[in-house]
Amino acid sequence: KQTYERLGHRVDLITPHPALPDMVFAANAATVIDGIVLGARF
C-alpha cells in the first residue's frame, strides 16, 4: 500500500470481516470501468 502511495496513487480501503480471511484479495470482488461497477459471484 505504501509503495502505491509513494508512487502518487490513491488507495481507498474497505473494512475486513473477521470471518472472511480471503477478503484481502480485493481484485476478485468487482470490475470497474468508466465508473460502472460489475460485482462478483464467487
PDB file of all heavy atoms in Angstrom:
ATOM      1  N   LYS A   1       0.833  -1.201   0.000  1.00  0.00           N
ATOM      2  CA  LYS A   1       0.000   0.000   0.000  1.00  0.00           C
ATOM      3  C   LYS A   1       0.871   1.257   0.000  1.00  0.00           C
ATOM      4  O   LYS A   1       0.612   2.220  -0.753  1.00  0.00           O
ATOM      5  CB  LYS A   1      -0.926  -0.015   1.219  1.00  0.00           C
ATOM      6  CG  LYS A   1      -1.715   1.264   1.445  1.00  0.00           C
ATOM      7  CD  LYS A   1      -2.614   1.107   2.666  1.00  0.00           C
ATOM      8  CE  LYS A   1      -3.331   2.407   3.028  1.00  0.00           C
ATOM      9  NZ  LYS A   1      -2.415   3.419   3.579  1.00  0.00           N
ATOM     10  N   GLN A   2       1.897   1.273   0.812  1.00  0.00           N
ATOM     11  CA  GLN A   2       2.777   2.441   0.890  1.00  0.00           C
ATOM     12  C   GLN A   2       3.548   2.654  -0.410  1.00  0.00           C
ATOM     13  O   GLN A   2       3.837   3.796  -0.780  1.00  0.00           O
ATOM     14  CB  GLN A   2       3.735   2.289   2.073  1.00  0.00           C
ATOM     15  CG  GLN A   2       3.033   2.392   3.419  1.00  0.00           C
ATOM     16  CD  GLN A   2       3.935   2.047   4.592  1.00  0.00           C
ATOM     17  OE1 GLN A   2       5.009   1.446   4.422  1.00  0.00           O
ATOM     18  NE2 GLN A   2       3.519   2.423   5.785  1.00  0.00           N
ATOM     19  N   THR A   3       3.853   1.572  -1.115  1.00  0.00           N
ATOM     20  CA  THR A   3       4.515   1.702  -2.422  1.00  0.00           C
ATOM     21  C   THR A   3       3.604   2.438  -3.391  1.00  0.00           C
ATOM     22  O   THR A   3       4.039   3.351  -4.114  1.00  0.00           O
ATOM     23  CB  THR A   3       4.890   0.327  -2.980  1.00  0.00           C
ATOM     24  OG1 THR A   3       5.854  -0.281  -2.112  1.00  0.00           O
ATOM     25  CG2 THR A   3       5.483   0.449  -4.385  1.00  0.00           C
ATOM     26  N   TYR A   4       2.336   2.055  -3.434  1.00  0.00           N
ATOM     27  CA  TYR A   4       1.390   2.749  -4.310  1.00  0.00           C
ATOM     28  C   TYR A   4       1.330   4.241  -3.962  1.00  0.00           C
ATOM     29  O   TYR A   4       1.361   5.103  -4.848  1.00  0.00           O
ATOM     30  CB  TYR A   4      -0.008   2.151  -4.181  1.00  0.00           C
ATOM     31  CG  TYR A   4      -0.151   0.747  -4.696  1.00  0.00           C
ATOM     32  CD1 TYR A   4      -0.970  -0.173  -4.047  1.00  0.00           C
ATOM     33  CD2 TYR A   4       0.496   0.339  -5.852  1.00  0.00           C
ATOM     34  CE1 TYR A   4      -1.129  -1.457  -4.525  1.00  0.00           C
ATOM     35  CE2 TYR A   4       0.349  -0.949  -6.335  1.00  0.00           C
ATOM     36  CZ  TYR A   4      -0.463  -1.850  -5.663  1.00  0.00           C
ATOM     37  OH  TYR A   4      -0.610  -3.122  -6.144  1.00  0.00           O
ATOM     38  N   GLU A   5       1.232   4.531  -2.681  1.00  0.00           N
ATOM     39  CA  GLU A   5       1.106   5.926  -2.256  1.00  0.00           C
ATOM     40  C   GLU A   5       2.380   6.711  -2.555  1.00  0.00           C
ATOM     41  O   GLU A   5       2.321   7.878  -2.973  1.00  0.00           O
ATOM     42  CB  GLU A   5       0.754   5.968  -0.775  1.00  0.00           C
ATOM     43  CG  GLU A   5      -0.648   5.419  -0.489  1.00  0.00           C
ATOM     44  CD  GLU A   5      -0.951   5.219   0.975  1.00  0.00           C
ATOM     45  OE1 GLU A   5       0.001   4.992   1.761  1.00  0.00           O
ATOM     46  OE2 GLU A   5      -2.136   5.264   1.342  1.00  0.00           O
ATOM     47  N   ARG A   6       3.518   6.077  -2.373  1.00  0.00           N
ATOM     48  CA  ARG A   6       4.795   6.744  -2.675  1.00  0.00           C
ATOM     49  C   ARG A   6       4.897   7.075  -4.157  1.00  0.00           C
ATOM     50  O   ARG A   6       5.503   8.095  -4.537  1.00  0.00           O
ATOM     51  CB  ARG A   6       5.947   5.840  -2.238  1.00  0.00           C
ATOM     52  CG  ARG A   6       7.328   6.356  -2.592  1.00  0.00           C
ATOM     53  CD  ARG A   6       8.413   5.502  -1.978  1.00  0.00           C
ATOM     54  NE  ARG A   6       8.290   4.094  -2.305  1.00  0.00           N
ATOM     55  CZ  ARG A   6       8.710   3.552  -3.449  1.00  0.00           C
ATOM     56  NH1 ARG A   6       9.256   4.310  -4.386  1.00  0.00           N
ATOM     57  NH2 ARG A   6       8.577   2.250  -3.665  1.00  0.00           N
ATOM     58  N   LEU A   7       4.287   6.245  -4.998  1.00  0.00           N
ATOM     59  CA  LEU A   7       4.308   6.476  -6.440  1.00  0.00           C
ATOM     60  C   LEU A   7       3.237   7.460  -6.888  1.00  0.00           C
ATOM     61  O   LEU A   7       3.098   7.734  -8.086  1.00  0.00           O
ATOM     62  CB  LEU A   7       4.147   5.148  -7.182  1.00  0.00           C
ATOM     63  CG  LEU A   7       5.311   4.164  -7.014  1.00  0.00           C
ATOM     64  CD1 LEU A   7       4.967   2.806  -7.623  1.00  0.00           C
ATOM     65  CD2 LEU A   7       6.595   4.721  -7.630  1.00  0.00           C
ATOM     66  N   GLY A   8       2.468   7.986  -5.939  1.00  0.00           N
ATOM     67  CA  GLY A   8       1.493   9.024  -6.258  1.00  0.00           C
ATOM     68  C   GLY A   8       0.080   8.550  -6.479  1.00  0.00           C
ATOM     69  O   GLY A   8      -0.782   9.335  -6.904  1.00  0.00           O
ATOM     70  N   HIS A   9      -0.206   7.291  -6.177  1.00  0.00           N
ATOM     71  CA  HIS A   9      -1.541   6.744  -6.404  1.00  0.00           C
ATOM     72  C   HIS A   9      -2.408   6.869  -5.146  1.00  0.00           C
ATOM     73  O   HIS A   9      -1.895   6.954  -4.032  1.00  0.00           O
ATOM     74  CB  HIS A   9      -1.442   5.289  -6.837  1.00  0.00           C
ATOM     75  CG  HIS A   9      -0.560   5.100  -8.033  1.00  0.00           C
ATOM     76  ND1 HIS A   9      -0.763   5.786  -9.213  1.00  0.00           N
ATOM     77  CD2 HIS A   9       0.557   4.342  -8.224  1.00  0.00           C
ATOM     78  CE1 HIS A   9       0.171   5.448 -10.088  1.00  0.00           C
ATOM     79  NE2 HIS A   9       0.976   4.576  -9.507  1.00  0.00           N
ATOM     80  N   ARG A  10      -3.705   6.862  -5.351  1.00  0.00           N
ATOM     81  CA  ARG A  10      -4.656   6.937  -4.240  1.00  0.00           C
ATOM     82  C   ARG A  10      -5.098   5.531  -3.857  1.00  0.00           C
ATOM     83  O   ARG A  10      -5.406   4.711  -4.731  1.00  0.00           O
ATOM     84  CB  ARG A  10      -5.871   7.774  -4.638  1.00  0.00           C
ATOM     85  CG  ARG A  10      -7.015   7.745  -3.632  1.00  0.00           C
ATOM     86  CD  ARG A  10      -8.155   8.636  -4.062  1.00  0.00           C
ATOM     87  NE  ARG A  10      -9.341   8.409  -3.246  1.00  0.00           N
ATOM     88  CZ  ARG A  10     -10.484   9.088  -3.366  1.00  0.00           C
ATOM     89  NH1 ARG A  10     -10.570  10.064  -4.267  1.00  0.00           N
ATOM     90  NH2 ARG A  10     -11.526   8.818  -2.595  1.00  0.00           N
ATOM     91  N   VAL A  11      -5.154   5.257  -2.570  1.00  0.00           N
ATOM     92  CA  VAL A  11      -5.606   3.956  -2.086  1.00  0.00           C
ATOM     93  C   VAL A  11      -6.788   4.160  -1.148  1.00  0.00           C
ATOM     94  O   VAL A  11      -6.677   4.829  -0.119  1.00  0.00           O
ATOM     95  CB  VAL A  11      -4.480   3.200  -1.351  1.00  0.00           C
ATOM     96  CG1 VAL A  11      -5.013   1.871  -0.806  1.00  0.00           C
ATOM     97  CG2 VAL A  11      -3.285   2.969  -2.276  1.00  0.00           C
ATOM     98  N   ASP A  12      -7.937   3.610  -1.522  1.00  0.00           N
ATOM     99  CA  ASP A  12      -9.110   3.571  -0.655  1.00  0.00           C
ATOM    100  C   ASP A  12      -9.132   2.222   0.052  1.00  0.00           C
ATOM    101  O   ASP A  12      -8.568   1.237  -0.447  1.00  0.00           O
ATOM    102  CB  ASP A  12     -10.391   3.751  -1.466  1.00  0.00           C
ATOM    103  CG  ASP A  12     -10.538   5.156  -2.026  1.00  0.00           C
ATOM    104  OD1 ASP A  12      -9.666   6.003  -1.738  1.00  0.00           O
ATOM    105  OD2 ASP A  12     -11.512   5.416  -2.745  1.00  0.00           O
ATOM    106  N   LEU A  13      -9.824   2.176   1.190  1.00  0.00           N
ATOM    107  CA  LEU A  13      -9.825   0.957   1.998  1.00  0.00           C
ATOM    108  C   LEU A  13     -11.250   0.509   2.294  1.00  0.00           C
ATOM    109  O   LEU A  13     -12.156   1.324   2.476  1.00  0.00           O
ATOM    110  CB  LEU A  13      -9.083   1.185   3.318  1.00  0.00           C
ATOM    111  CG  LEU A  13      -7.612   1.588   3.219  1.00  0.00           C
ATOM    112  CD1 LEU A  13      -7.050   1.883   4.608  1.00  0.00           C
ATOM    113  CD2 LEU A  13      -6.796   0.502   2.533  1.00  0.00           C
ATOM    114  N   ILE A  14     -11.423  -0.806   2.351  1.00  0.00           N
ATOM    115  CA  ILE A  14     -12.661  -1.415   2.814  1.00  0.00           C
ATOM    116  C   ILE A  14     -12.349  -2.172   4.097  1.00  0.00           C
ATOM    117  O   ILE A  14     -11.259  -2.735   4.246  1.00  0.00           O
ATOM    118  CB  ILE A  14     -13.261  -2.353   1.733  1.00  0.00           C
ATOM    119  CG1 ILE A  14     -14.613  -2.920   2.188  1.00  0.00           C
ATOM    120  CG2 ILE A  14     -12.302  -3.470   1.362  1.00  0.00           C
ATOM    121  CD1 ILE A  14     -15.345  -3.696   1.085  1.00  0.00           C
ATOM    122  N   THR A  15     -13.279  -2.176   5.035  1.00  0.00           N
ATOM    123  CA  THR A  15     -13.060  -2.817   6.331  1.00  0.00           C
ATOM    124  C   THR A  15     -13.107  -4.338   6.200  1.00  0.00           C
ATOM    125  O   THR A  15     -14.075  -4.882   5.654  1.00  0.00           O
ATOM    126  CB  THR A  15     -14.119  -2.361   7.341  1.00  0.00           C
ATOM    127  OG1 THR A  15     -14.090  -0.927   7.440  1.00  0.00           O
ATOM    128  CG2 THR A  15     -13.872  -2.981   8.714  1.00  0.00           C
ATOM    129  N   PRO A  16     -12.080  -5.038   6.681  1.00  0.00           N
ATOM    130  CA  PRO A  16     -12.094  -6.503   6.589  1.00  0.00           C
ATOM    131  C   PRO A  16     -13.108  -7.116   7.551  1.00  0.00           C
ATOM    132  O   PRO A  16     -13.422  -6.546   8.594  1.00  0.00           O
ATOM    133  CB  PRO A  16     -10.666  -6.889   6.976  1.00  0.00           C
ATOM    134  CG  PRO A  16     -10.184  -5.774   7.844  1.00  0.00           C
ATOM    135  CD  PRO A  16     -10.847  -4.522   7.313  1.00  0.00           C
ATOM    136  N   HIS A  17     -13.597  -8.300   7.181  1.00  0.00           N
ATOM    137  CA  HIS A  17     -14.545  -9.030   8.024  1.00  0.00           C
ATOM    138  C   HIS A  17     -13.817 -10.208   8.653  1.00  0.00           C
ATOM    139  O   HIS A  17     -13.131 -10.967   7.954  1.00  0.00           O
ATOM    140  CB  HIS A  17     -15.725  -9.517   7.186  1.00  0.00           C
ATOM    141  CG  HIS A  17     -16.862 -10.046   7.998  1.00  0.00           C
ATOM    142  ND1 HIS A  17     -16.816 -11.257   8.675  1.00  0.00           N
ATOM    143  CD2 HIS A  17     -18.100  -9.518   8.243  1.00  0.00           C
ATOM    144  CE1 HIS A  17     -17.952 -11.461   9.295  1.00  0.00           C
ATOM    145  NE2 HIS A  17     -18.753 -10.422   9.054  1.00  0.00           N
ATOM    146  N   PRO A  18     -13.951 -10.412   9.967  1.00  0.00           N
ATOM    147  CA  PRO A  18     -13.182 -11.472  10.643  1.00  0.00           C
ATOM    148  C   PRO A  18     -13.475 -12.881  10.151  1.00  0.00           C
ATOM    149  O   PRO A  18     -12.630 -13.773  10.296  1.00  0.00           O
ATOM    150  CB  PRO A  18     -13.566 -11.307  12.116  1.00  0.00           C
ATOM    151  CG  PRO A  18     -14.810 -10.481  12.126  1.00  0.00           C
ATOM    152  CD  PRO A  18     -14.743  -9.607  10.924  1.00  0.00           C
ATOM    153  N   ALA A  19     -14.631 -13.114   9.559  1.00  0.00           N
ATOM    154  CA  ALA A  19     -14.980 -14.454   9.088  1.00  0.00           C
ATOM    155  C   ALA A  19     -14.558 -14.708   7.649  1.00  0.00           C
ATOM    156  O   ALA A  19     -14.790 -15.804   7.131  1.00  0.00           O
ATOM    157  CB  ALA A  19     -16.482 -14.680   9.232  1.00  0.00           C
ATOM    158  N   LEU A  20     -13.904 -13.706   7.015  1.00  0.00           N
ATOM    159  CA  LEU A  20     -13.561 -13.820   5.593  1.00  0.00           C
ATOM    160  C   LEU A  20     -12.060 -13.607   5.402  1.00  0.00           C
ATOM    161  O   LEU A  20     -11.608 -12.503   5.067  1.00  0.00           O
ATOM    162  CB  LEU A  20     -14.372 -12.804   4.780  1.00  0.00           C
ATOM    163  CG  LEU A  20     -15.902 -12.982   4.864  1.00  0.00           C
ATOM    164  CD1 LEU A  20     -16.613 -11.816   4.205  1.00  0.00           C
ATOM    165  CD2 LEU A  20     -16.325 -14.306   4.237  1.00  0.00           C
ATOM    166  N   PRO A  21     -11.262 -14.654   5.587  1.00  0.00           N
ATOM    167  CA  PRO A  21      -9.802 -14.497   5.553  1.00  0.00           C
ATOM    168  C   PRO A  21      -9.234 -14.126   4.198  1.00  0.00           C
ATOM    169  O   PRO A  21      -8.123 -13.603   4.114  1.00  0.00           O
ATOM    170  CB  PRO A  21      -9.296 -15.876   5.995  1.00  0.00           C
ATOM    171  CG  PRO A  21     -10.410 -16.825   5.662  1.00  0.00           C
ATOM    172  CD  PRO A  21     -11.659 -16.046   5.908  1.00  0.00           C
ATOM    173  N   ASP A  22      -9.995 -14.371   3.104  1.00  0.00           N
ATOM    174  CA  ASP A  22      -9.508 -14.035   1.758  1.00  0.00           C
ATOM    175  C   ASP A  22     -10.024 -12.692   1.257  1.00  0.00           C
ATOM    176  O   ASP A  22      -9.792 -12.332   0.094  1.00  0.00           O
ATOM    177  CB  ASP A  22      -9.916 -15.132   0.760  1.00  0.00           C
ATOM    178  CG  ASP A  22      -9.020 -16.357   0.858  1.00  0.00           C
ATOM    179  OD1 ASP A  22      -7.893 -16.232   1.356  1.00  0.00           O
ATOM    180  OD2 ASP A  22      -9.463 -17.442   0.426  1.00  0.00           O
ATOM    181  N   MET A  23     -10.664 -11.922   2.124  1.00  0.00           N
ATOM    182  CA  MET A  23     -11.203 -10.640   1.688  1.00  0.00           C
ATOM    183  C   MET A  23     -10.101  -9.664   1.279  1.00  0.00           C
ATOM    184  O   MET A  23     -10.353  -8.687   0.560  1.00  0.00           O
ATOM    185  CB  MET A  23     -12.065 -10.036   2.793  1.00  0.00           C
ATOM    186  CG  MET A  23     -12.935  -8.884   2.341  1.00  0.00           C
ATOM    187  SD  MET A  23     -14.100  -8.387   3.641  1.00  0.00           S
ATOM    188  CE  MET A  23     -14.641  -6.799   2.979  1.00  0.00           C
ATOM    189  N   VAL A  24      -8.878  -9.927   1.729  1.00  0.00           N
ATOM    190  CA  VAL A  24      -7.725  -9.114   1.327  1.00  0.00           C
ATOM    191  C   VAL A  24      -7.556  -9.078  -0.184  1.00  0.00           C
ATOM    192  O   VAL A  24      -7.040  -8.101  -0.746  1.00  0.00           O
ATOM    193  CB  VAL A  24      -6.439  -9.638   2.000  1.00  0.00           C
ATOM    194  CG1 VAL A  24      -6.170 -11.085   1.640  1.00  0.00           C
ATOM    195  CG2 VAL A  24      -5.231  -8.778   1.624  1.00  0.00           C
ATOM    196  N   PHE A  25      -8.021 -10.116  -0.878  1.00  0.00           N
ATOM    197  CA  PHE A  25      -7.827 -10.196  -2.326  1.00  0.00           C
ATOM    198  C   PHE A  25      -8.942  -9.427  -3.038  1.00  0.00           C
ATOM    199  O   PHE A  25      -9.847  -9.990  -3.669  1.00  0.00           O
ATOM    200  CB  PHE A  25      -7.748 -11.657  -2.755  1.00  0.00           C
ATOM    201  CG  PHE A  25      -6.623 -12.383  -2.066  1.00  0.00           C
ATOM    202  CD1 PHE A  25      -6.846 -13.559  -1.365  1.00  0.00           C
ATOM    203  CD2 PHE A  25      -5.328 -11.885  -2.101  1.00  0.00           C
ATOM    204  CE1 PHE A  25      -5.806 -14.228  -0.724  1.00  0.00           C
ATOM    205  CE2 PHE A  25      -4.279 -12.538  -1.462  1.00  0.00           C
ATOM    206  CZ  PHE A  25      -4.520 -13.708  -0.773  1.00  0.00           C
ATOM    207  N   ALA A  26      -8.839  -8.107  -2.936  1.00  0.00           N
ATOM    208  CA  ALA A  26      -9.883  -7.197  -3.399  1.00  0.00           C
ATOM    209  C   ALA A  26     -10.132  -7.294  -4.892  1.00  0.00           C
ATOM    210  O   ALA A  26     -11.239  -7.014  -5.358  1.00  0.00           O
ATOM    211  CB  ALA A  26      -9.504  -5.763  -3.027  1.00  0.00           C
ATOM    212  N   ALA A  27      -9.122  -7.667  -5.668  1.00  0.00           N
ATOM    213  CA  ALA A  27      -9.284  -7.714  -7.123  1.00  0.00           C
ATOM    214  C   ALA A  27     -10.383  -8.672  -7.551  1.00  0.00           C
ATOM    215  O   ALA A  27     -10.939  -8.518  -8.650  1.00  0.00           O
ATOM    216  CB  ALA A  27      -7.964  -8.124  -7.781  1.00  0.00           C
ATOM    217  N   ASN A  28     -10.714  -9.636  -6.715  1.00  0.00           N
ATOM    218  CA  ASN A  28     -11.709 -10.643  -7.084  1.00  0.00           C
ATOM    219  C   ASN A  28     -13.149 -10.176  -6.867  1.00  0.00           C
ATOM    220  O   ASN A  28     -14.077 -10.921  -7.173  1.00  0.00           O
ATOM    221  CB  ASN A  28     -11.506 -11.930  -6.277  1.00  0.00           C
ATOM    222  CG  ASN A  28     -10.144 -12.541  -6.434  1.00  0.00           C
ATOM    223  OD1 ASN A  28      -9.631 -13.154  -5.503  1.00  0.00           O
ATOM    224  ND2 ASN A  28      -9.515 -12.387  -7.591  1.00  0.00           N
ATOM    225  N   ALA A  29     -13.345  -8.955  -6.332  1.00  0.00           N
ATOM    226  CA  ALA A  29     -14.664  -8.569  -5.845  1.00  0.00           C
ATOM    227  C   ALA A  29     -15.443  -7.649  -6.772  1.00  0.00           C
ATOM    228  O   ALA A  29     -16.652  -7.467  -6.577  1.00  0.00           O
ATOM    229  CB  ALA A  29     -14.541  -7.913  -4.470  1.00  0.00           C
ATOM    230  N   ALA A  30     -14.824  -7.039  -7.777  1.00  0.00           N
ATOM    231  CA  ALA A  30     -15.561  -6.180  -8.712  1.00  0.00           C
ATOM    232  C   ALA A  30     -14.644  -5.776  -9.860  1.00  0.00           C
ATOM    233  O   ALA A  30     -13.415  -5.796  -9.737  1.00  0.00           O
ATOM    234  CB  ALA A  30     -16.105  -4.925  -8.021  1.00  0.00           C
ATOM    235  N   THR A  31     -15.273  -5.384 -10.969  1.00  0.00           N
ATOM    236  CA  THR A  31     -14.579  -4.789 -12.109  1.00  0.00           C
ATOM    237  C   THR A  31     -15.206  -3.429 -12.348  1.00  0.00           C
ATOM    238  O   THR A  31     -16.434  -3.327 -12.480  1.00  0.00           O
ATOM    239  CB  THR A  31     -14.732  -5.659 -13.366  1.00  0.00           C
ATOM    240  OG1 THR A  31     -14.280  -6.990 -13.078  1.00  0.00           O
ATOM    241  CG2 THR A  31     -13.921  -5.096 -14.518  1.00  0.00           C
ATOM    242  N   VAL A  32     -14.387  -2.385 -12.385  1.00  0.00           N
ATOM    243  CA  VAL A  32     -14.884  -1.017 -12.507  1.00  0.00           C
ATOM    244  C   VAL A  32     -14.271  -0.370 -13.752  1.00  0.00           C
ATOM    245  O   VAL A  32     -13.044  -0.247 -13.844  1.00  0.00           O
ATOM    246  CB  VAL A  32     -14.536  -0.175 -11.269  1.00  0.00           C
ATOM    247  CG1 VAL A  32     -15.190   1.204 -11.358  1.00  0.00           C
ATOM    248  CG2 VAL A  32     -14.956  -0.885  -9.991  1.00  0.00           C
ATOM    249  N   ILE A  33     -15.117   0.039 -14.690  1.00  0.00           N
ATOM    250  CA  ILE A  33     -14.680   0.733 -15.899  1.00  0.00           C
ATOM    251  C   ILE A  33     -15.627   1.901 -16.136  1.00  0.00           C
ATOM    252  O   ILE A  33     -16.856   1.725 -16.150  1.00  0.00           O
ATOM    253  CB  ILE A  33     -14.659  -0.202 -17.122  1.00  0.00           C
ATOM    254  CG1 ILE A  33     -13.658  -1.359 -16.901  1.00  0.00           C
ATOM    255  CG2 ILE A  33     -14.293   0.569 -18.386  1.00  0.00           C
ATOM    256  CD1 ILE A  33     -13.644  -2.380 -18.017  1.00  0.00           C
ATOM    257  N   ASP A  34     -15.064   3.098 -16.288  1.00  0.00           N
ATOM    258  CA  ASP A  34     -15.854   4.313 -16.512  1.00  0.00           C
ATOM    259  C   ASP A  34     -16.901   4.521 -15.428  1.00  0.00           C
ATOM    260  O   ASP A  34     -18.010   5.009 -15.685  1.00  0.00           O
ATOM    261  CB  ASP A  34     -16.535   4.286 -17.886  1.00  0.00           C
ATOM    262  CG  ASP A  34     -15.531   4.350 -19.027  1.00  0.00           C
ATOM    263  OD1 ASP A  34     -14.422   4.882 -18.807  1.00  0.00           O
ATOM    264  OD2 ASP A  34     -15.851   3.866 -20.131  1.00  0.00           O
ATOM    265  N   GLY A  35     -16.565   4.149 -14.196  1.00  0.00           N
ATOM    266  CA  GLY A  35     -17.465   4.357 -13.079  1.00  0.00           C
ATOM    267  C   GLY A  35     -18.580   3.344 -12.955  1.00  0.00           C
ATOM    268  O   GLY A  35     -19.375   3.406 -12.008  1.00  0.00           O
ATOM    269  N   ILE A  36     -18.676   2.412 -13.898  1.00  0.00           N
ATOM    270  CA  ILE A  36     -19.675   1.340 -13.819  1.00  0.00           C
ATOM    271  C   ILE A  36     -19.060   0.155 -13.081  1.00  0.00           C
ATOM    272  O   ILE A  36     -17.937  -0.261 -13.387  1.00  0.00           O
ATOM    273  CB  ILE A  36     -20.136   0.914 -15.219  1.00  0.00           C
ATOM    274  CG1 ILE A  36     -20.787   2.099 -15.938  1.00  0.00           C
ATOM    275  CG2 ILE A  36     -21.106  -0.272 -15.141  1.00  0.00           C
ATOM    276  CD1 ILE A  36     -21.116   1.821 -17.390  1.00  0.00           C
ATOM    277  N   VAL A  37     -19.796  -0.377 -12.128  1.00  0.00           N
ATOM    278  CA  VAL A  37     -19.294  -1.467 -11.290  1.00  0.00           C
ATOM    279  C   VAL A  37     -20.033  -2.758 -11.630  1.00  0.00           C
ATOM    280  O   VAL A  37     -21.258  -2.835 -11.504  1.00  0.00           O
ATOM    281  CB  VAL A  37     -19.483  -1.151  -9.795  1.00  0.00           C
ATOM    282  CG1 VAL A  37     -18.929  -2.293  -8.934  1.00  0.00           C
ATOM    283  CG2 VAL A  37     -18.821   0.168  -9.432  1.00  0.00           C
ATOM    284  N   LEU A  38     -19.280  -3.763 -12.048  1.00  0.00           N
ATOM    285  CA  LEU A  38     -19.813  -5.113 -12.182  1.00  0.00           C
ATOM    286  C   LEU A  38     -19.269  -5.910 -11.013  1.00  0.00           C
ATOM    287  O   LEU A  38     -18.065  -6.108 -10.887  1.00  0.00           O
ATOM    288  CB  LEU A  38     -19.386  -5.745 -13.510  1.00  0.00           C
ATOM    289  CG  LEU A  38     -19.780  -7.207 -13.716  1.00  0.00           C
ATOM    290  CD1 LEU A  38     -21.296  -7.388 -13.673  1.00  0.00           C
ATOM    291  CD2 LEU A  38     -19.205  -7.743 -15.031  1.00  0.00           C
ATOM    292  N   GLY A  39     -20.148  -6.327 -10.138  1.00  0.00           N
ATOM    293  CA  GLY A  39     -19.726  -7.049  -8.941  1.00  0.00           C
ATOM    294  C   GLY A  39     -19.291  -8.467  -9.241  1.00  0.00           C
ATOM    295  O   GLY A  39     -19.130  -8.867 -10.390  1.00  0.00           O
ATOM    296  N   ALA A  40     -19.104  -9.244  -8.177  1.00  0.00           N
ATOM    297  CA  ALA A  40     -18.599 -10.611  -8.296  1.00  0.00           C
ATOM    298  C   ALA A  40     -19.634 -11.620  -7.829  1.00  0.00           C
ATOM    299  O   ALA A  40     -20.521 -11.319  -7.033  1.00  0.00           O
ATOM    300  CB  ALA A  40     -17.316 -10.770  -7.480  1.00  0.00           C
ATOM    301  N   ARG A  41     -19.494 -12.833  -8.354  1.00  0.00           N
ATOM    302  CA  ARG A  41     -20.212 -14.004  -7.851  1.00  0.00           C
ATOM    303  C   ARG A  41     -19.167 -15.108  -7.752  1.00  0.00           C
ATOM    304  O   ARG A  41     -18.727 -15.651  -8.765  1.00  0.00           O
ATOM    305  CB  ARG A  41     -21.360 -14.404  -8.775  1.00  0.00           C
ATOM    306  CG  ARG A  41     -22.139 -15.632  -8.288  1.00  0.00           C
ATOM    307  CD  ARG A  41     -23.240 -15.994  -9.276  1.00  0.00           C
ATOM    308  NE  ARG A  41     -24.305 -15.013  -9.271  1.00  0.00           N
ATOM    309  CZ  ARG A  41     -25.385 -15.080  -8.491  1.00  0.00           C
ATOM    310  NH1 ARG A  41     -25.544 -16.101  -7.671  1.00  0.00           N
ATOM    311  NH2 ARG A  41     -26.305 -14.145  -8.554  1.00  0.00           N
ATOM    312  N   PHE A  42     -18.740 -15.409  -6.534  1.00  0.00           N
ATOM    313  CA  PHE A  42     -17.624 -16.331  -6.323  1.00  0.00           C
ATOM    314  C   PHE A  42     -18.042 -17.786  -6.543  1.00  0.00           C
ATOM    315  O   PHE A  42     -19.160 -18.182  -6.218  1.00  0.00           O
ATOM    316  CB  PHE A  42     -17.069 -16.171  -4.907  1.00  0.00           C
ATOM    317  CG  PHE A  42     -16.328 -14.877  -4.680  1.00  0.00           C
ATOM    318  CD1 PHE A  42     -16.996 -13.744  -4.237  1.00  0.00           C
ATOM    319  CD2 PHE A  42     -14.969 -14.797  -4.915  1.00  0.00           C
ATOM    320  CE1 PHE A  42     -16.317 -12.553  -4.029  1.00  0.00           C
ATOM    321  CE2 PHE A  42     -14.277 -13.610  -4.713  1.00  0.00           C
ATOM    322  CZ  PHE A  42     -14.950 -12.483  -4.275  1.00  0.00           C
TER     323      PHE A  42
END
